[in-house]
N, C-alpha and C. Protein backbone atom coordinates (compact mmCIF):
# COMPACT_ATOMS: atom_id res chain seq x y z
N UNK A 1 20.94 2.04 16.92
CA UNK A 1 21.83 3.13 17.21
C UNK A 1 22.43 3.63 15.90
N UNK A 2 22.53 4.92 15.78
CA UNK A 2 23.17 5.53 14.63
C UNK A 2 23.61 6.93 15.02
N UNK A 3 24.45 7.51 14.21
CA UNK A 3 24.85 8.89 14.40
C UNK A 3 24.45 9.67 13.16
N UNK A 4 23.91 10.83 13.39
CA UNK A 4 23.61 11.75 12.30
C UNK A 4 24.39 13.03 12.55
N UNK A 5 24.99 13.55 11.50
CA UNK A 5 25.75 14.79 11.61
C UNK A 5 25.01 15.84 10.79
N UNK A 6 24.69 16.93 11.46
CA UNK A 6 23.93 18.02 10.86
C UNK A 6 24.76 19.30 10.88
N UNK A 7 24.45 20.18 9.97
CA UNK A 7 24.96 21.54 10.04
C UNK A 7 24.21 22.21 11.19
N UNK A 8 24.93 22.85 12.08
CA UNK A 8 24.32 23.51 13.22
C UNK A 8 23.84 24.89 12.79
N UNK A 9 22.56 25.13 12.96
CA UNK A 9 21.95 26.40 12.61
C UNK A 9 21.36 26.99 13.87
N UNK A 10 22.02 28.03 14.37
CA UNK A 10 21.64 28.56 15.67
C UNK A 10 22.04 27.55 16.72
N UNK A 11 21.07 27.03 17.41
CA UNK A 11 21.39 26.01 18.42
C UNK A 11 20.72 24.67 18.10
N UNK A 12 20.20 24.55 16.87
CA UNK A 12 19.50 23.33 16.50
C UNK A 12 20.08 22.71 15.23
N UNK A 13 19.72 21.47 15.01
CA UNK A 13 20.17 20.75 13.83
C UNK A 13 19.50 21.30 12.59
N UNK A 14 20.30 21.52 11.56
CA UNK A 14 19.79 21.98 10.28
C UNK A 14 19.89 20.86 9.25
N UNK A 15 20.60 21.13 8.17
CA UNK A 15 20.74 20.19 7.07
C UNK A 15 21.52 18.95 7.50
N UNK A 16 20.99 17.78 7.17
CA UNK A 16 21.69 16.52 7.42
C UNK A 16 22.87 16.42 6.47
N UNK A 17 24.06 16.20 7.05
CA UNK A 17 25.28 16.13 6.25
C UNK A 17 25.78 14.70 6.07
N UNK A 18 25.54 13.86 7.08
CA UNK A 18 26.15 12.53 7.07
C UNK A 18 25.45 11.65 8.08
N UNK A 19 25.29 10.38 7.75
CA UNK A 19 24.71 9.41 8.68
C UNK A 19 25.65 8.23 8.82
N UNK A 20 25.74 7.73 10.02
CA UNK A 20 26.59 6.58 10.33
C UNK A 20 25.71 5.54 11.00
N UNK A 21 25.66 4.34 10.43
CA UNK A 21 24.85 3.27 11.02
C UNK A 21 25.65 2.56 12.12
N UNK A 22 25.04 1.54 12.72
CA UNK A 22 25.67 0.81 13.82
C UNK A 22 27.03 0.24 13.43
N UNK A 23 27.08 -0.38 12.26
CA UNK A 23 28.34 -0.97 11.81
C UNK A 23 29.40 0.10 11.57
N UNK A 24 28.98 1.22 11.01
CA UNK A 24 29.89 2.33 10.78
C UNK A 24 30.44 2.89 12.08
N UNK A 25 29.57 2.99 13.08
CA UNK A 25 30.03 3.47 14.38
C UNK A 25 31.09 2.53 14.95
N UNK A 26 30.85 1.23 14.83
CA UNK A 26 31.82 0.26 15.34
C UNK A 26 33.17 0.41 14.65
N UNK A 27 33.16 0.68 13.35
CA UNK A 27 34.40 0.88 12.60
C UNK A 27 35.10 2.16 13.05
N UNK A 28 34.32 3.23 13.23
CA UNK A 28 34.88 4.53 13.59
C UNK A 28 35.19 4.68 15.08
N UNK A 29 34.72 3.77 15.89
CA UNK A 29 34.88 3.89 17.34
C UNK A 29 36.33 4.09 17.79
N UNK A 30 37.32 3.43 17.17
CA UNK A 30 38.70 3.71 17.59
C UNK A 30 39.09 5.18 17.43
N UNK A 31 38.62 5.82 16.37
CA UNK A 31 38.90 7.25 16.18
C UNK A 31 38.21 8.07 17.26
N UNK A 32 36.97 7.71 17.59
CA UNK A 32 36.24 8.44 18.63
C UNK A 32 36.89 8.25 19.99
N UNK A 33 37.45 7.08 20.25
CA UNK A 33 38.15 6.83 21.51
C UNK A 33 39.44 7.64 21.61
N UNK A 34 40.16 7.73 20.50
CA UNK A 34 41.38 8.56 20.47
C UNK A 34 41.00 10.01 20.73
N UNK A 35 39.94 10.47 20.08
CA UNK A 35 39.46 11.84 20.26
C UNK A 35 39.09 12.10 21.72
N UNK A 36 38.42 11.14 22.32
CA UNK A 36 38.02 11.28 23.73
C UNK A 36 39.24 11.37 24.64
N UNK A 37 40.26 10.56 24.36
CA UNK A 37 41.46 10.59 25.21
C UNK A 37 42.23 11.90 25.04
N UNK A 38 42.15 12.51 23.87
CA UNK A 38 42.84 13.78 23.62
C UNK A 38 42.09 14.98 24.19
N UNK A 39 40.76 14.94 24.13
CA UNK A 39 39.98 16.15 24.43
C UNK A 39 39.02 16.01 25.60
N UNK A 40 38.68 14.78 25.96
CA UNK A 40 37.66 14.55 26.97
C UNK A 40 36.25 14.61 26.40
N UNK A 41 36.12 14.92 25.11
CA UNK A 41 34.81 14.97 24.45
C UNK A 41 34.50 13.61 23.86
N UNK A 42 33.25 13.22 23.93
CA UNK A 42 32.85 11.88 23.52
C UNK A 42 31.83 11.95 22.40
N UNK A 43 32.10 11.28 21.31
CA UNK A 43 31.12 11.13 20.24
C UNK A 43 30.25 9.95 20.68
N UNK A 44 29.16 10.28 21.32
CA UNK A 44 28.30 9.33 22.01
C UNK A 44 27.21 8.82 21.08
N UNK A 45 27.09 7.49 20.94
CA UNK A 45 26.04 6.98 20.07
C UNK A 45 24.62 7.24 20.58
N UNK A 46 24.51 7.74 21.81
CA UNK A 46 23.19 8.01 22.39
C UNK A 46 23.03 9.47 22.82
N UNK A 47 24.04 10.29 22.57
CA UNK A 47 24.00 11.67 23.03
C UNK A 47 24.22 12.65 21.90
N UNK A 48 24.55 13.87 22.28
CA UNK A 48 24.72 14.96 21.33
C UNK A 48 26.04 15.66 21.59
N UNK A 49 26.74 16.00 20.53
CA UNK A 49 27.99 16.76 20.62
C UNK A 49 27.94 17.87 19.59
N UNK A 50 28.11 19.12 20.06
CA UNK A 50 28.14 20.27 19.16
C UNK A 50 29.58 20.73 19.03
N UNK A 51 30.00 20.95 17.79
CA UNK A 51 31.33 21.47 17.51
C UNK A 51 31.20 22.70 16.65
N UNK A 52 31.62 23.83 17.20
CA UNK A 52 31.55 25.06 16.42
C UNK A 52 32.92 25.45 15.88
N UNK A 53 33.95 24.86 16.45
CA UNK A 53 35.32 25.08 15.98
C UNK A 53 36.17 23.96 16.56
N UNK A 54 37.44 24.00 16.27
CA UNK A 54 38.32 23.00 16.85
C UNK A 54 38.11 21.61 16.29
N UNK A 55 37.94 21.52 14.99
CA UNK A 55 37.76 20.22 14.34
C UNK A 55 39.07 19.44 14.25
N UNK A 56 40.19 20.16 14.38
CA UNK A 56 41.50 19.55 14.16
C UNK A 56 41.75 18.31 15.03
N UNK A 57 41.45 18.32 16.33
CA UNK A 57 41.69 17.10 17.13
C UNK A 57 40.88 15.90 16.64
N UNK A 58 39.66 16.12 16.16
CA UNK A 58 38.87 15.01 15.65
C UNK A 58 39.43 14.52 14.32
N UNK A 59 39.84 15.44 13.48
CA UNK A 59 40.45 15.07 12.20
C UNK A 59 41.73 14.27 12.44
N UNK A 60 42.55 14.74 13.37
CA UNK A 60 43.79 14.03 13.70
C UNK A 60 43.51 12.64 14.28
N UNK A 61 42.47 12.53 15.07
CA UNK A 61 42.08 11.24 15.64
C UNK A 61 41.64 10.27 14.55
N UNK A 62 40.93 10.78 13.58
CA UNK A 62 40.51 9.95 12.44
C UNK A 62 41.74 9.49 11.67
N UNK A 63 42.68 10.40 11.42
CA UNK A 63 43.91 10.03 10.71
C UNK A 63 44.69 8.96 11.46
N UNK A 64 44.80 9.12 12.76
CA UNK A 64 45.54 8.17 13.58
C UNK A 64 44.88 6.79 13.55
N UNK A 65 43.57 6.75 13.71
CA UNK A 65 42.86 5.47 13.69
C UNK A 65 42.92 4.85 12.29
N UNK A 66 42.81 5.68 11.26
CA UNK A 66 42.82 5.17 9.89
C UNK A 66 44.16 4.53 9.55
N UNK A 67 45.23 5.03 10.15
CA UNK A 67 46.55 4.45 9.88
C UNK A 67 46.70 3.07 10.50
N UNK A 68 45.83 2.73 11.45
CA UNK A 68 45.91 1.45 12.15
C UNK A 68 44.87 0.44 11.65
N UNK A 69 43.94 0.88 10.84
CA UNK A 69 42.81 0.03 10.44
C UNK A 69 42.74 -0.03 8.92
N UNK A 70 42.49 -1.20 8.40
CA UNK A 70 42.41 -1.35 6.95
C UNK A 70 40.99 -1.49 6.42
N UNK A 71 40.04 -1.76 7.30
CA UNK A 71 38.68 -1.97 6.83
C UNK A 71 37.90 -0.66 6.73
N UNK A 72 37.09 -0.57 5.73
CA UNK A 72 36.18 0.57 5.52
C UNK A 72 36.88 1.92 5.63
N UNK A 73 38.05 2.01 5.04
CA UNK A 73 38.80 3.27 5.06
C UNK A 73 38.01 4.40 4.41
N UNK A 74 37.13 4.05 3.47
CA UNK A 74 36.31 5.06 2.82
C UNK A 74 35.42 5.80 3.79
N UNK A 75 34.93 5.12 4.81
CA UNK A 75 34.10 5.75 5.83
C UNK A 75 34.90 6.78 6.61
N UNK A 76 36.14 6.43 6.97
CA UNK A 76 37.01 7.39 7.66
C UNK A 76 37.24 8.61 6.78
N UNK A 77 37.51 8.38 5.51
CA UNK A 77 37.80 9.47 4.58
C UNK A 77 36.59 10.37 4.38
N UNK A 78 35.40 9.77 4.28
CA UNK A 78 34.18 10.58 4.12
C UNK A 78 33.96 11.49 5.32
N UNK A 79 34.10 10.94 6.52
CA UNK A 79 33.92 11.74 7.72
C UNK A 79 35.00 12.82 7.82
N UNK A 80 36.21 12.44 7.53
CA UNK A 80 37.33 13.40 7.56
C UNK A 80 37.07 14.56 6.59
N UNK A 81 36.67 14.24 5.37
CA UNK A 81 36.40 15.27 4.37
C UNK A 81 35.25 16.18 4.79
N UNK A 82 34.23 15.61 5.40
CA UNK A 82 33.11 16.41 5.90
C UNK A 82 33.59 17.41 6.95
N UNK A 83 34.44 16.96 7.86
CA UNK A 83 34.94 17.83 8.91
C UNK A 83 35.84 18.93 8.35
N UNK A 84 36.68 18.57 7.40
CA UNK A 84 37.55 19.58 6.76
C UNK A 84 36.70 20.61 6.04
N UNK A 85 35.68 20.17 5.34
CA UNK A 85 34.79 21.09 4.63
C UNK A 85 34.06 22.02 5.60
N UNK A 86 33.54 21.47 6.68
CA UNK A 86 32.83 22.29 7.67
C UNK A 86 33.76 23.33 8.27
N UNK A 87 34.97 22.90 8.60
CA UNK A 87 35.92 23.84 9.21
C UNK A 87 36.32 24.93 8.23
N UNK A 88 36.62 24.56 6.99
CA UNK A 88 37.07 25.56 6.02
C UNK A 88 35.96 26.53 5.63
N UNK A 89 34.71 26.09 5.74
CA UNK A 89 33.59 26.97 5.42
C UNK A 89 32.98 27.65 6.65
N UNK A 90 33.57 27.41 7.81
CA UNK A 90 33.09 28.06 9.02
C UNK A 90 31.76 27.56 9.53
N UNK A 91 31.41 26.30 9.21
CA UNK A 91 30.14 25.72 9.67
C UNK A 91 30.34 24.97 10.97
N UNK A 92 29.46 25.19 11.89
CA UNK A 92 29.40 24.38 13.09
C UNK A 92 28.59 23.12 12.78
N UNK A 93 28.85 22.06 13.51
CA UNK A 93 28.10 20.83 13.31
C UNK A 93 27.56 20.33 14.63
N UNK A 94 26.57 19.47 14.52
CA UNK A 94 26.03 18.80 15.69
C UNK A 94 25.97 17.31 15.34
N UNK A 95 26.52 16.50 16.22
CA UNK A 95 26.52 15.05 16.05
C UNK A 95 25.50 14.49 17.03
N UNK A 96 24.46 13.88 16.49
CA UNK A 96 23.38 13.37 17.34
C UNK A 96 23.31 11.86 17.25
N UNK A 97 23.35 11.22 18.42
CA UNK A 97 23.16 9.79 18.49
C UNK A 97 21.68 9.48 18.60
N UNK A 98 21.33 8.28 18.20
CA UNK A 98 19.91 7.89 18.25
C UNK A 98 19.74 6.69 19.14
């Protein structure tokens, strides 16, 4: 299982922006759970999630989880920075589980 985050081009995955392996998903899972409780959207390790706007709840969820976890903070920061960059540049993303 892994997650790949791509730039969304039309309705399909374009350029690969970020990959998260099984261990990374386990570390980030608290942030994804917070995001799910806030929005009802699930970053599914086996499914697909398209985000064309509204990155703020996911960014906030990452911040909240990062404040509670001390391990692999760099992974949280990398994902957070990717989302901020996508939002500020008007890029939609697609998160695909494998």
